[in-house]
N, C-alpha and C. Protein backbone atom coordinates (compact mmCIF):
# COMPACT_ATOMS: atom_id res chain seq x y z
N UNK A 1 23.43 -155.17 43.59
CA UNK A 1 24.76 -154.30 43.52
C UNK A 1 24.49 -153.23 43.65
N UNK A 2 24.57 -152.95 43.83
CA UNK A 2 24.36 -150.80 43.97
C UNK A 2 25.97 -150.01 42.91
N UNK A 3 25.64 -149.44 42.02
CA UNK A 3 26.48 -149.47 41.43
C UNK A 3 26.85 -147.56 41.62
N UNK A 4 28.18 -148.10 42.36
CA UNK A 4 28.60 -146.69 43.06
C UNK A 4 29.69 -145.90 41.75
N UNK A 5 30.11 -145.73 41.01
CA UNK A 5 30.79 -145.38 39.70
C UNK A 5 30.85 -143.92 39.99
N UNK A 6 29.40 -143.49 40.08
CA UNK A 6 29.23 -142.58 40.31
C UNK A 6 29.37 -140.94 41.22
N UNK A 7 30.46 -141.62 42.17
CA UNK A 7 30.56 -141.13 43.92
C UNK A 7 32.73 -141.19 43.62
N UNK A 8 32.92 -140.39 44.28
CA UNK A 8 34.21 -139.48 44.74
C UNK A 8 34.45 -139.79 45.79
N UNK A 9 35.42 -140.13 46.31
CA UNK A 9 36.31 -140.14 47.59
C UNK A 9 36.43 -138.55 47.85
N UNK A 10 35.93 -138.68 48.99
CA UNK A 10 35.98 -136.62 49.41
C UNK A 10 37.33 -136.60 49.79
N UNK A 11 38.24 -135.09 49.43
CA UNK A 11 39.33 -135.46 49.14
C UNK A 11 40.14 -135.24 50.52
N UNK A 12 41.78 -135.07 50.13
CA UNK A 12 42.10 -135.27 51.65
C UNK A 12 43.12 -133.75 52.02
N UNK A 13 42.57 -133.45 53.21
CA UNK A 13 43.95 -131.91 53.50
C UNK A 13 45.70 -131.90 54.13
N UNK A 14 46.32 -131.53 52.97
CA UNK A 14 47.42 -131.92 54.14
C UNK A 14 47.85 -132.59 55.10
N UNK A 15 48.51 -132.70 56.15
CA UNK A 15 48.81 -132.60 57.07
C UNK A 15 50.00 -131.93 57.30
N UNK A 16 49.48 -131.07 58.52
CA UNK A 16 51.05 -130.19 58.54
C UNK A 16 51.77 -130.99 60.66
N UNK A 17 52.73 -131.31 60.47
CA UNK A 17 53.92 -132.11 61.35
C UNK A 17 54.71 -130.09 61.83
N UNK A 18 54.81 -130.49 63.36
CA UNK A 18 54.78 -128.97 63.69
C UNK A 18 55.84 -129.74 64.66
N UNK A 19 57.23 -129.38 64.18
CA UNK A 19 58.48 -129.98 65.33
C UNK A 19 58.80 -128.82 67.18
N UNK A 20 58.57 -130.11 67.75
CA UNK A 20 59.01 -128.67 69.14
C UNK A 20 59.56 -129.66 69.58
N UNK A 21 60.69 -128.61 69.69
CA UNK A 21 62.06 -128.47 70.35
C UNK A 21 61.53 -129.44 71.94
N UNK A 22 62.22 -130.68 71.73
CA UNK A 22 62.21 -130.87 73.15
C UNK A 22 62.55 -130.33 74.49
N UNK A 23 64.08 -129.81 74.55
CA UNK A 23 64.22 -128.46 75.60
C UNK A 23 64.42 -127.08 74.67
N UNK A 24 63.11 -126.59 74.74
CA UNK A 24 63.24 -125.50 74.28
C UNK A 24 64.40 -124.67 75.17
N UNK A 25 64.79 -123.96 74.67
CA UNK A 25 65.74 -122.65 75.36
C UNK A 25 65.51 -121.96 76.02
N UNK A 26 65.56 -122.15 77.77
CA UNK A 26 64.99 -120.56 78.28
C UNK A 26 65.78 -119.49 78.75
N UNK A 27 64.96 -118.68 78.56
CA UNK A 27 65.38 -117.53 78.49
C UNK A 27 66.04 -116.87 79.72
N UNK A 28 67.19 -115.99 80.16
CA UNK A 28 68.43 -115.93 81.34
C UNK A 28 67.07 -114.47 82.40
N UNK A 29 65.69 -114.56 81.81
CA UNK A 29 64.79 -113.63 82.72
C UNK A 29 63.86 -114.29 82.42
N UNK A 30 62.94 -114.61 83.52
CA UNK A 30 61.26 -114.92 83.26
C UNK A 30 60.49 -113.33 82.28
N UNK A 31 59.60 -113.66 82.10
CA UNK A 31 58.27 -112.45 81.63
C UNK A 31 58.22 -111.14 83.03
N UNK A 32 58.52 -111.44 84.00
CA UNK A 32 58.84 -110.52 84.99
C UNK A 32 59.48 -110.05 85.16
N UNK A 33 60.84 -110.74 84.75
CA UNK A 33 61.96 -110.00 85.37
C UNK A 33 62.58 -110.85 86.24
N UNK A 34 61.91 -111.59 86.89
CA UNK A 34 62.86 -112.28 87.75
C UNK A 34 63.41 -113.56 87.00
N UNK A 35 65.01 -113.39 87.51
CA UNK A 35 65.97 -114.11 86.79
C UNK A 35 65.26 -116.01 86.76
N UNK A 36 66.01 -117.20 85.37
CA UNK A 36 65.72 -117.59 85.40
C UNK A 36 66.10 -118.79 86.15
N UNK A 37 65.15 -119.78 86.28
CA UNK A 37 66.27 -121.00 86.43
C UNK A 37 67.40 -121.60 86.25
N UNK A 38 68.41 -120.99 85.01
CA UNK A 38 69.75 -121.37 84.93
C UNK A 38 70.07 -120.55 85.04
N UNK A 39 70.15 -119.45 85.35
CA UNK A 39 71.15 -118.29 85.88
C UNK A 39 71.14 -118.15 86.38
N UNK A 40 70.64 -118.72 88.06
CA UNK A 40 70.31 -118.76 89.07
C UNK A 40 71.66 -119.73 89.54
N UNK A 41 71.75 -121.09 88.65
CA UNK A 41 72.09 -122.32 89.09
C UNK A 41 73.56 -121.39 88.89
N UNK A 42 73.77 -120.97 87.60
CA UNK A 42 75.05 -120.26 86.85
C UNK A 42 75.44 -119.43 88.06
N UNK A 43 75.26 -118.71 88.64
CA UNK A 43 74.98 -117.45 89.24
C UNK A 43 75.85 -118.22 91.26
N UNK A 44 74.62 -119.56 90.90
CA UNK A 44 75.83 -120.05 92.28
C UNK A 44 76.95 -120.81 92.29
N UNK A 45 76.94 -121.40 91.50
CA UNK A 45 78.40 -122.03 90.95
C UNK A 45 79.49 -121.01 91.30
N UNK A 46 79.18 -119.98 90.07
CA UNK A 46 79.99 -118.73 90.00
C UNK A 46 80.51 -118.52 91.20
N UNK A 47 78.91 -118.27 92.39
CA UNK A 47 80.11 -118.06 94.30
C UNK A 47 80.22 -119.05 94.75
N UNK A 48 80.09 -120.12 94.63
CA UNK A 48 80.38 -121.39 95.53
C UNK A 48 81.99 -121.65 95.11
N UNK A 49 82.38 -121.91 93.95
CA UNK A 49 84.03 -121.19 93.09
C UNK A 49 84.21 -120.15 93.73
N UNK A 50 83.62 -118.49 93.61
CA UNK A 50 84.47 -117.33 94.17
C UNK A 50 85.11 -117.61 95.56
N UNK A 51 83.90 -118.14 96.03
CA UNK A 51 83.90 -118.23 97.80
C UNK A 51 85.50 -119.32 98.23
N UNK A 52 85.20 -120.67 97.73
CA UNK A 52 86.39 -121.30 97.59
C UNK A 52 87.95 -120.80 97.07
N UNK A 53 88.26 -120.29 96.34
CA UNK A 53 89.05 -119.02 96.08
C UNK A 53 89.18 -118.26 96.97
N UNK A 54 88.11 -117.46 97.58
CA UNK A 54 88.94 -116.62 98.96
C UNK A 54 89.33 -117.55 100.30
N UNK A 55 88.77 -118.78 99.66
CA UNK A 55 89.18 -118.90 101.37
C UNK A 55 90.28 -119.67 101.13
N UNK A 56 90.42 -120.30 99.97
CA UNK A 56 92.58 -120.59 100.03
C UNK A 56 93.27 -119.22 99.73
N UNK A 57 92.66 -118.13 99.61
CA UNK A 57 93.60 -117.19 99.78
C UNK A 57 93.61 -116.06 101.14
N UNK A 58 92.34 -116.34 101.45
CA UNK A 58 92.89 -116.30 103.35
C UNK A 58 93.69 -116.76 103.76
N UNK A 59 93.61 -117.97 103.42
CA UNK A 59 94.08 -119.12 104.40
C UNK A 59 96.02 -119.05 103.92
N UNK A 60 96.55 -119.12 102.85
CA UNK A 60 98.19 -118.23 102.09
C UNK A 60 98.20 -116.76 103.00
N UNK A 61 97.11 -115.87 103.10
CA UNK A 61 97.23 -115.06 103.81
C UNK A 61 97.71 -114.46 104.88
N UNK A 62 97.32 -115.66 105.53
CA UNK A 62 96.87 -115.68 107.27
C UNK A 62 98.40 -116.45 107.36
N UNK A 63 98.69 -117.30 107.09
CA UNK A 63 99.74 -117.67 107.29
C UNK A 63 101.28 -116.65 107.10
N UNK A 64 101.14 -116.22 105.54
CA UNK A 64 101.77 -115.57 105.32
C UNK A 64 102.08 -114.13 106.59
N UNK A 65 100.92 -113.69 107.23
CA UNK A 65 101.06 -112.67 107.86
C UNK A 65 102.19 -112.92 109.30
N UNK A 66 101.46 -114.81 109.84
CA UNK A 66 102.15 -115.23 110.71
C UNK A 66 103.20 -115.49 110.64
N UNK A 67 104.22 -115.27 109.93
CA UNK A 67 105.68 -116.00 109.56
C UNK A 67 106.49 -114.58 109.10
N UNK A 68 105.84 -113.65 108.43
CA UNK A 68 106.68 -113.20 108.44
C UNK A 68 107.98 -112.31 108.86
N UNK A 69 107.23 -112.07 109.74
CA UNK A 69 107.96 -110.59 110.78
C UNK A 69 108.96 -111.78 111.28
N UNK A 70 110.30 -112.32 111.22
CA UNK A 70 111.13 -113.14 111.77
C UNK A 70 112.95 -112.33 112.13
N UNK A 71 113.14 -112.37 112.77
CA UNK A 71 114.24 -112.35 113.47
C UNK A 71 114.72 -113.32 114.07
N UNK A 72 116.72 -113.70 113.01
CA UNK A 72 117.40 -114.49 113.75
C UNK A 72 118.12 -114.54 114.49
N UNK A 73 118.03 -115.00 115.88
CA UNK A 73 119.75 -114.56 116.90
C UNK A 73 120.75 -115.78 117.64
N UNK A 74 121.12 -115.66 116.76
CA UNK A 74 122.33 -116.60 117.52
C UNK A 74 122.94 -117.01 118.84
N UNK A 75 122.48 -118.12 120.14
CA UNK A 75 122.69 -118.12 121.04
C UNK A 75 123.49 -118.71 121.48
N UNK A 76 124.85 -118.43 122.64
CA UNK A 76 125.91 -118.85 122.60
C UNK A 76 125.92 -120.16 123.07
N UNK A 77 125.10 -120.87 123.17
CA UNK A 77 125.17 -122.65 122.89
C UNK A 77 123.43 -123.09 122.77
N UNK A 78 123.60 -124.17 121.72
CA UNK A 78 122.19 -124.74 121.23
C UNK A 78 122.72 -126.44 121.29
N UNK A 79 122.38 -127.26 121.73
CA UNK A 79 121.88 -128.21 121.67
C UNK A 79 123.12 -129.08 122.38
N UNK A 80 124.25 -128.25 123.34
CA UNK A 80 125.04 -129.22 123.37
C UNK A 80 126.47 -128.38 122.94
N UNK A 81 126.18 -127.26 121.46
CA UNK A 81 127.20 -127.10 120.71
C UNK A 81 127.68 -125.46 121.46
N UNK A 82 128.68 -125.28 121.41
CA UNK A 82 129.28 -123.59 121.74
C UNK A 82 129.51 -122.37 120.40
N UNK A 83 128.94 -121.31 120.59
CA UNK A 83 129.61 -120.86 119.16
C UNK A 83 130.74 -120.52 119.28
N UNK A 84 131.56 -120.02 118.26
CA UNK A 84 132.44 -119.97 117.63
C UNK A 84 132.44 -119.06 117.17
N UNK A 85 133.44 -117.59 118.08
CA UNK A 85 133.81 -116.26 117.73
C UNK A 85 134.68 -115.74 117.64
N UNK A 86 136.01 -116.74 117.49
CA UNK A 86 137.41 -116.67 116.44
C UNK A 86 137.21 -116.14 115.13
N UNK A 87 137.88 -115.22 114.80
CA UNK A 87 138.27 -114.66 113.73
C UNK A 87 138.46 -116.19 112.59
N UNK A 88 139.18 -117.14 112.39
CA UNK A 88 139.26 -117.92 111.28
C UNK A 88 137.56 -118.73 111.08
N UNK A 89 136.62 -118.52 112.61
CA UNK A 89 135.18 -119.05 112.71
C UNK A 89 134.76 -118.12 111.64
N UNK A 90 134.77 -117.00 112.03
CA UNK A 90 133.83 -115.06 111.18
C UNK A 90 133.99 -115.81 110.64
N UNK A 91 135.44 -115.72 109.95
CA UNK A 91 135.46 -115.86 108.34
C UNK A 91 134.69 -116.76 107.19
N UNK A 92 135.07 -117.73 107.71
CA UNK A 92 134.08 -119.11 107.29
C UNK A 92 133.13 -119.25 107.14
N UNK A 93 132.61 -118.53 107.76
CA UNK A 93 130.83 -118.02 108.17
C UNK A 93 130.45 -117.69 107.02
N UNK A 94 131.67 -116.60 106.93
CA UNK A 94 130.83 -115.10 106.22
C UNK A 94 130.94 -115.62 104.83
N UNK A 95 132.06 -116.72 104.41
CA UNK A 95 131.25 -117.11 102.42
C UNK A 95 130.26 -117.82 102.25
N UNK A 96 129.73 -118.73 103.23
CA UNK A 96 127.84 -119.03 103.18
C UNK A 96 127.08 -118.36 103.55
N UNK A 97 127.70 -116.58 104.23
CA UNK A 97 126.32 -116.01 104.26
C UNK A 97 126.42 -115.02 103.33
N UNK A 98 127.44 -114.34 103.29
CA UNK A 98 127.28 -113.53 101.46
C UNK A 98 126.37 -114.73 100.75
N UNK A 99 126.86 -115.38 100.38
CA UNK A 99 126.73 -116.87 99.08
C UNK A 99 124.55 -116.88 99.80
N UNK A 100 124.62 -116.85 100.86
CA UNK A 100 123.41 -117.56 100.57
C UNK A 100 122.35 -115.83 100.91
N UNK A 101 122.94 -114.85 101.01
CA UNK A 101 121.67 -113.38 101.48
C UNK A 101 121.72 -112.76 99.78
N UNK A 102 122.84 -113.18 98.60
CA UNK A 102 122.39 -113.05 97.40
C UNK A 102 121.99 -114.49 96.93
N UNK A 103 122.06 -114.87 97.04
CA UNK A 103 120.68 -116.09 96.09
C UNK A 103 119.75 -115.78 96.74
N UNK A 104 119.17 -115.75 98.35
CA UNK A 104 117.87 -116.05 98.34
C UNK A 104 117.30 -114.72 98.65
N UNK A 105 118.02 -113.62 98.12
CA UNK A 105 118.03 -112.07 97.98
C UNK A 105 117.68 -111.81 100.08
N UNK A 106 117.94 -112.44 100.96
CA UNK A 106 117.66 -112.07 102.18
C UNK A 106 117.79 -110.70 102.47
N UNK A 107 117.28 -110.32 103.45
CA UNK A 107 117.55 -108.36 103.35
C UNK A 107 118.56 -108.67 105.20
N UNK A 108 118.32 -109.65 105.73
CA UNK A 108 119.51 -109.47 107.61
C UNK A 108 120.02 -110.96 107.58
N UNK A 109 121.39 -110.82 107.73
CA UNK A 109 121.81 -112.32 107.47
C UNK A 109 122.43 -112.31 108.79
N UNK A 110 122.51 -113.48 108.89
CA UNK A 110 123.73 -114.02 110.39
C UNK A 110 124.27 -115.14 109.45
N UNK A 111 125.99 -115.36 110.31
CA UNK A 111 126.32 -116.93 109.69
C UNK A 111 127.51 -116.79 111.40
N UNK A 112 127.76 -117.59 111.47
CA UNK A 112 127.60 -118.80 112.70
C UNK A 112 128.19 -120.36 112.71
N UNK A 113 129.14 -120.71 113.36
CA UNK A 113 130.12 -121.95 113.48
C UNK A 113 129.62 -121.84 114.89
N UNK A 114 129.32 -123.58 114.96
CA UNK A 114 129.06 -123.77 116.69
C UNK A 114 130.52 -125.25 116.53
N UNK A 115 131.06 -125.64 117.51
CA UNK A 115 131.99 -126.22 117.58
C UNK A 115 131.04 -127.25 118.42
N UNK A 116 131.06 -128.56 118.42
CA UNK A 116 131.15 -129.64 119.30
C UNK A 116 132.18 -130.31 119.84
N UNK A 117 131.81 -129.88 121.56
CA UNK A 117 132.74 -129.91 122.65
C UNK A 117 133.43 -131.54 122.77
N UNK A 118 132.85 -132.69 122.30
CA UNK A 118 132.86 -133.99 122.08
C UNK A 118 133.82 -134.60 121.03
N UNK A 119 133.82 -133.73 120.13
CA UNK A 119 134.24 -133.66 118.50
C UNK A 119 134.57 -132.39 117.45
N UNK A 120 135.32 -131.86 117.72
CA UNK A 120 136.49 -130.85 117.26
C UNK A 120 135.51 -131.09 114.83
N UNK A 121 135.98 -131.88 114.66
CA UNK A 121 135.68 -132.45 113.29
C UNK A 121 134.15 -132.46 112.95
N UNK A 122 133.23 -132.17 114.20
CA UNK A 122 131.39 -132.59 114.01
C UNK A 122 130.83 -130.40 113.92
N UNK A 123 132.18 -130.13 113.91
CA UNK A 123 131.49 -128.50 113.94
C UNK A 123 130.71 -127.92 113.06
N UNK A 124 129.58 -127.06 113.60
CA UNK A 124 128.49 -126.72 112.46
C UNK A 124 128.58 -125.96 111.62
N UNK A 125 128.17 -125.48 110.21
CA UNK A 125 128.51 -123.96 110.47
C UNK A 125 127.19 -124.19 109.57
N UNK A 126 126.17 -123.06 110.06
CA UNK A 126 124.99 -122.26 110.09
C UNK A 126 125.05 -121.03 109.09
N UNK A 127 124.38 -120.20 108.27
CA UNK A 127 124.11 -119.21 108.07
C UNK A 127 122.44 -118.59 106.99
N UNK A 128 121.58 -117.65 107.81
CA UNK A 128 120.74 -118.07 107.57
C UNK A 128 120.40 -116.50 107.39
N UNK A 129 119.40 -116.04 106.95
CA UNK A 129 118.54 -114.50 106.80
C UNK A 129 116.78 -114.68 106.92
N UNK A 130 116.27 -113.47 106.98
CA UNK A 130 114.87 -113.08 106.88
C UNK A 130 115.22 -112.00 105.46
N UNK A 131 113.44 -112.12 105.43
CA UNK A 131 113.06 -111.29 104.37
C UNK A 131 111.39 -111.75 104.06
N UNK A 132 110.91 -111.75 103.70
CA UNK A 132 109.67 -111.33 102.87
C UNK A 132 109.48 -112.80 101.87
N UNK A 133 109.26 -113.93 101.79
CA UNK A 133 109.59 -114.61 101.20
C UNK A 133 108.51 -115.52 100.80
N UNK A 134 108.22 -115.23 99.47
CA UNK A 134 107.15 -115.93 98.38
C UNK A 134 106.83 -117.44 98.77
N UNK A 135 107.99 -118.20 98.44
CA UNK A 135 107.54 -118.65 97.53
C UNK A 135 108.93 -119.98 98.46
N UNK A 136 108.28 -120.09 99.92
CA UNK A 136 109.73 -120.55 100.46
C UNK A 136 110.44 -121.86 100.43
N UNK A 137 109.80 -123.22 99.50
CA UNK A 137 109.82 -124.18 99.37
C UNK A 137 110.82 -124.76 97.69
N UNK A 138 110.25 -123.56 97.24
CA UNK A 138 111.30 -122.86 95.68
C UNK A 138 112.30 -122.77 96.22
N UNK A 139 112.24 -121.38 96.89
CA UNK A 139 113.90 -121.68 97.81
C UNK A 139 114.51 -121.92 98.02
N UNK A 140 114.67 -122.68 99.29
CA UNK A 140 115.37 -123.20 99.99
C UNK A 140 115.79 -124.89 98.67
N UNK A 141 114.80 -124.67 97.75
CA UNK A 141 115.43 -125.80 96.90
C UNK A 141 117.21 -125.90 95.84
N UNK A 142 117.01 -123.96 95.63
CA UNK A 142 117.14 -123.11 94.96
C UNK A 142 118.67 -123.25 96.18
N UNK A 143 118.71 -122.76 97.55
CA UNK A 143 119.66 -122.50 97.59
C UNK A 143 120.61 -123.94 98.34
N UNK A 144 119.78 -124.59 98.09
CA UNK A 144 120.35 -126.36 98.32
C UNK A 144 121.29 -126.68 97.25
N UNK A 145 121.62 -125.75 96.05
CA UNK A 145 122.38 -125.79 95.25
C UNK A 145 123.78 -125.10 96.06
N UNK A 146 123.64 -124.88 96.55
CA UNK A 146 125.20 -123.36 96.79
C UNK A 146 126.11 -124.20 97.13
N UNK A 147 125.77 -125.85 97.54
CA UNK A 147 126.54 -126.52 98.03
C UNK A 147 127.71 -127.64 96.50
N UNK A 148 126.38 -127.06 95.39
CA UNK A 148 127.39 -128.19 94.54
C UNK A 148 128.61 -127.23 94.05
N UNK A 149 130.15 -129.08 94.03
CA UNK A 149 131.14 -128.60 93.44
C UNK A 149 131.79 -129.45 93.38
N UNK A 150 132.54 -129.61 92.18
CA UNK A 150 133.05 -130.36 91.23
C UNK A 150 132.93 -132.14 92.36
N UNK A 151 133.31 -131.76 93.37
CA UNK A 151 132.69 -133.30 93.87
C UNK A 151 131.62 -133.77 94.23
N UNK A 152 130.38 -132.68 93.99
CA UNK A 152 129.27 -133.24 93.56
C UNK A 152 127.89 -132.30 94.23
N UNK A 153 127.06 -132.75 94.22
CA UNK A 153 126.30 -131.40 95.11
C UNK A 153 125.36 -132.43 95.90
N UNK A 154 124.61 -131.93 96.81
CA UNK A 154 123.32 -132.16 97.51
C UNK A 154 122.29 -133.01 97.13
N UNK A 155 121.95 -134.47 97.67
CA UNK A 155 121.61 -135.74 97.27
C UNK A 155 121.02 -136.23 98.20
N UNK A 156 119.43 -137.25 98.12
CA UNK A 156 118.84 -137.33 99.25
C UNK A 156 118.00 -137.04 99.97
N UNK A 157 117.94 -135.30 98.84
CA UNK A 157 116.68 -134.35 100.09
C UNK A 157 115.45 -135.01 100.25
N UNK A 158 115.37 -134.73 101.19
CA UNK A 158 114.01 -135.43 101.79
C UNK A 158 112.85 -134.60 103.26
N UNK A 159 111.96 -134.39 102.95
CA UNK A 159 111.95 -133.36 104.11
C UNK A 159 111.24 -133.63 105.40
N UNK A 160 111.29 -133.36 106.14
CA UNK A 160 111.00 -133.45 107.86
C UNK A 160 110.30 -132.93 108.72
N UNK A 161 109.94 -133.47 109.47
CA UNK A 161 108.98 -132.65 110.90
C UNK A 161 109.79 -130.55 110.70
N UNK A 162 108.47 -129.58 111.05
CA UNK A 162 109.40 -128.76 110.50
C UNK A 162 109.20 -128.29 111.93
N UNK A 163 108.31 -128.73 112.67
CA UNK A 163 108.14 -128.07 114.23
C UNK A 163 107.11 -127.43 114.29
N UNK A 164 106.80 -126.88 115.53
CA UNK A 164 105.59 -125.39 115.25
C UNK A 164 105.74 -124.33 114.96
N UNK A 165 107.08 -123.95 114.33
CA UNK A 165 107.22 -122.73 113.48
C UNK A 165 106.67 -122.99 111.91
N UNK A 166 106.15 -124.43 112.04
CA UNK A 166 105.76 -124.39 110.59
C UNK A 166 106.92 -123.86 109.37
N UNK A 167 106.26 -123.71 107.94
CA UNK A 167 107.76 -124.19 107.00
C UNK A 167 108.34 -125.24 106.23
N UNK A 168 109.17 -125.77 105.39
CA UNK A 168 109.93 -126.58 105.48
C UNK A 168 110.78 -126.85 106.10
N UNK A 169 111.85 -127.60 106.17
CA UNK A 169 112.62 -128.56 106.44
C UNK A 169 112.94 -129.89 106.02
N UNK A 170 114.05 -129.45 105.23
CA UNK A 170 114.71 -130.66 104.62
C UNK A 170 116.16 -130.88 104.83
N UNK A 171 116.78 -132.10 104.68
CA UNK A 171 117.89 -132.44 104.68
C UNK A 171 118.64 -133.64 103.70
N UNK A 172 119.94 -133.85 103.36
CA UNK A 172 120.59 -134.39 102.71
C UNK A 172 121.61 -134.90 103.00
N UNK A 173 122.61 -135.04 102.31
CA UNK A 173 124.15 -135.18 102.63
C UNK A 173 124.71 -134.51 101.00
N UNK A 174 125.84 -134.55 101.37
CA UNK A 174 127.06 -133.82 100.16
C UNK A 174 128.24 -134.05 100.52
N UNK A 175 128.70 -134.31 99.21
CA UNK A 175 130.55 -135.05 99.83
C UNK A 175 131.11 -133.64 99.39
N UNK A 176 130.52 -132.51 99.78
CA UNK A 176 131.64 -131.66 99.07
C UNK A 176 132.65 -131.16 100.13
N UNK A 177 133.59 -131.18 99.55
CA UNK A 177 135.68 -130.55 100.47
C UNK A 177 136.05 -132.01 101.00
N UNK A 178 135.43 -133.01 100.18
CA UNK A 178 136.02 -134.36 99.89
C UNK A 178 135.57 -135.67 101.20
N UNK A 179 134.22 -135.01 102.14
CA UNK A 179 134.28 -135.45 103.40
C UNK A 179 132.68 -135.50 103.69
N UNK A 180 132.03 -136.86 104.16
CA UNK A 180 130.22 -136.62 103.77
C UNK A 180 129.59 -135.89 104.95
N UNK A 181 128.44 -134.84 104.26
CA UNK A 181 128.37 -134.29 105.96
C UNK A 181 127.08 -133.74 105.26
N UNK A 182 125.82 -134.25 106.58
CA UNK A 182 124.53 -134.33 105.96
C UNK A 182 124.05 -132.45 106.03
N UNK A 183 123.11 -131.99 105.54
CA UNK A 183 123.03 -130.43 104.70
C UNK A 183 121.75 -130.61 105.22
N UNK A 184 121.19 -129.95 106.06
CA UNK A 184 119.57 -129.18 106.78
C UNK A 184 119.78 -127.53 106.08
N UNK A 185 118.27 -127.38 106.04
CA UNK A 185 117.31 -126.21 105.44
C UNK A 185 116.44 -126.37 105.76
N UNK A 186 116.11 -125.19 106.48
CA UNK A 186 115.28 -124.46 106.54
C UNK A 186 114.40 -123.43 106.47
N UNK A 187 112.98 -123.51 105.46
CA UNK A 187 112.11 -122.16 104.92
C UNK A 187 110.32 -121.84 105.86
N UNK A 188 110.75 -120.51 105.31
CA UNK A 188 109.16 -120.03 105.87
C UNK A 188 109.23 -118.66 104.88
N UNK A 189 107.89 -117.87 105.19
CA UNK A 189 107.58 -116.79 104.82
C UNK A 189 108.26 -115.62 105.11
N UNK A 190 109.06 -115.31 106.07
CA UNK A 190 110.21 -114.55 106.97
C UNK A 190 111.52 -115.18 107.17
N UNK A 191 111.29 -116.15 106.78
CA UNK A 191 113.43 -116.68 107.11
C UNK A 191 113.84 -118.35 105.96
N UNK A 192 114.80 -118.01 106.20
CA UNK A 192 115.30 -118.95 105.64
C UNK A 192 116.87 -119.22 106.04
N UNK A 193 117.27 -120.92 106.33
CA UNK A 193 118.46 -121.00 106.48
C UNK A 193 118.72 -122.03 106.22
N UNK A 194 120.38 -122.52 105.92
CA UNK A 194 121.33 -123.36 105.55
C UNK A 194 122.74 -123.71 106.69
N UNK A 195 122.32 -125.05 107.01
CA UNK A 195 123.61 -125.88 107.58
C UNK A 195 124.11 -126.93 107.12
N UNK A 196 125.90 -126.90 107.50
CA UNK A 196 126.27 -128.56 107.51
C UNK A 196 126.43 -129.11 109.04
N UNK A 197 125.84 -130.56 108.54
CA UNK A 197 127.31 -130.72 109.48
C UNK A 197 127.79 -132.05 109.30
N UNK A 198 129.04 -132.10 109.21
CA UNK A 198 129.97 -133.13 109.02
C UNK A 198 129.96 -134.41 110.08
N UNK A 199 130.63 -135.16 109.48
CA UNK A 199 130.04 -136.73 109.71
C UNK A 199 128.38 -137.07 110.63
N UNK A 200 127.29 -136.82 109.94
CA UNK A 200 125.96 -136.39 110.28
C UNK A 200 125.62 -137.30 109.16
N UNK A 201 124.39 -138.45 108.63
CA UNK A 201 123.39 -138.48 107.31
C UNK A 201 122.14 -137.50 107.93
N UNK A 202 121.75 -137.13 107.29
CA UNK A 202 120.08 -135.90 106.91
C UNK A 202 119.61 -136.63 107.57
N UNK A 203 119.17 -137.77 108.29
CA UNK A 203 118.68 -138.04 109.67
C UNK A 203 119.36 -137.33 111.03
N UNK A 204 120.00 -137.82 111.37
CA UNK A 204 120.98 -137.41 112.22
C UNK A 204 120.80 -135.67 112.73
N UNK A 205 121.21 -135.42 110.91
CA UNK A 205 121.03 -133.71 111.30
C UNK A 205 119.78 -133.07 111.12
N UNK A 206 118.95 -133.69 111.07
CA UNK A 206 117.86 -133.12 110.98
C UNK A 206 117.21 -133.27 112.39
N UNK A 207 116.76 -133.30 113.10
CA UNK A 207 116.79 -133.28 114.37
C UNK A 207 117.03 -131.95 115.20
N UNK A 208 118.58 -131.85 114.58
CA UNK A 208 119.56 -130.49 115.59
C UNK A 208 118.88 -129.36 114.84
N UNK A 209 118.90 -129.71 113.52
CA UNK A 209 118.30 -128.82 112.56
C UNK A 209 117.66 -128.41 113.36
N UNK A 210 116.50 -128.63 113.84
CA UNK A 210 115.38 -128.42 113.91
C UNK A 210 115.11 -128.12 115.57
N UNK A 211 116.20 -128.32 116.81
CA UNK A 211 117.13 -128.06 117.49
C UNK A 211 117.16 -126.52 118.20
N UNK A 212 118.46 -125.71 116.42
CA UNK A 212 119.01 -124.52 116.01
C UNK A 212 117.73 -123.43 115.63
N UNK A 213 116.99 -123.72 114.95
CA UNK A 213 115.67 -122.83 114.22
C UNK A 213 115.40 -122.91 115.37
N UNK A 214 114.36 -123.53 116.41
CA UNK A 214 113.65 -123.44 117.15
C UNK A 214 114.31 -122.37 118.67
N UNK A 215 115.96 -122.25 118.86
CA UNK A 215 116.59 -121.33 119.37
C UNK A 215 116.53 -119.73 118.72
N UNK A 216 116.70 -119.81 117.42
CA UNK A 216 117.34 -118.88 116.86
C UNK A 216 116.50 -117.99 116.29
N UNK A 217 114.73 -118.59 116.03
CA UNK A 217 113.58 -117.77 115.22
C UNK A 217 112.80 -117.69 116.03
N UNK A 218 112.64 -116.22 116.15
CA UNK A 218 111.64 -115.24 116.69
C UNK A 218 110.33 -114.40 115.77
N UNK A 219 109.95 -114.51 116.27
CA UNK A 219 108.43 -113.99 115.63
C UNK A 219 107.88 -112.73 116.18
N UNK A 220 107.61 -111.16 115.79
CA UNK A 220 106.96 -110.39 116.46
C UNK A 220 105.15 -110.98 116.65
């Protein structure tokens, strides 16, 4: 057996551990000045969001521009109803017209009563006006509050088709003045109106209100 007691093992060098990040941060720009991939992705996302926002604003702007220049002219007859130009009718309509103008800050207003030749108790009281209205739906909800009194308020308010003129058309019922009446209102970015339909439900009043609107409202 060979004697190896005089031999010594070769010394070992310490192992240096080098940590390499799995996903090193990418610089915003490459060494040659070109935008990095990360920056391009961020810019692309911002562009998409910006275009979407511009589209929404553009659509809203077109809708406002198309609705804002409105006029309301009560015709002599609408859907079989006849306009009552008597002094008592004018005085009654004035109350609702003035209240509506103050609440909704309208510029030009109208107030009118239309009688039903078949039933004098089912006359329609309507008031409306024009202005640039930024939030027609919210303003319409507010003016329904004008009919609130000790006997109740407008209840069961429901959206109905607003027709070709667009905007909002809503109807409900009220027990004000001790009788049940349908109540309807329309609003868009250029006009707002409110009407009472004694002896009618909301569903019965809605198509009649639409006929009144189509007959009265014009846009330039």
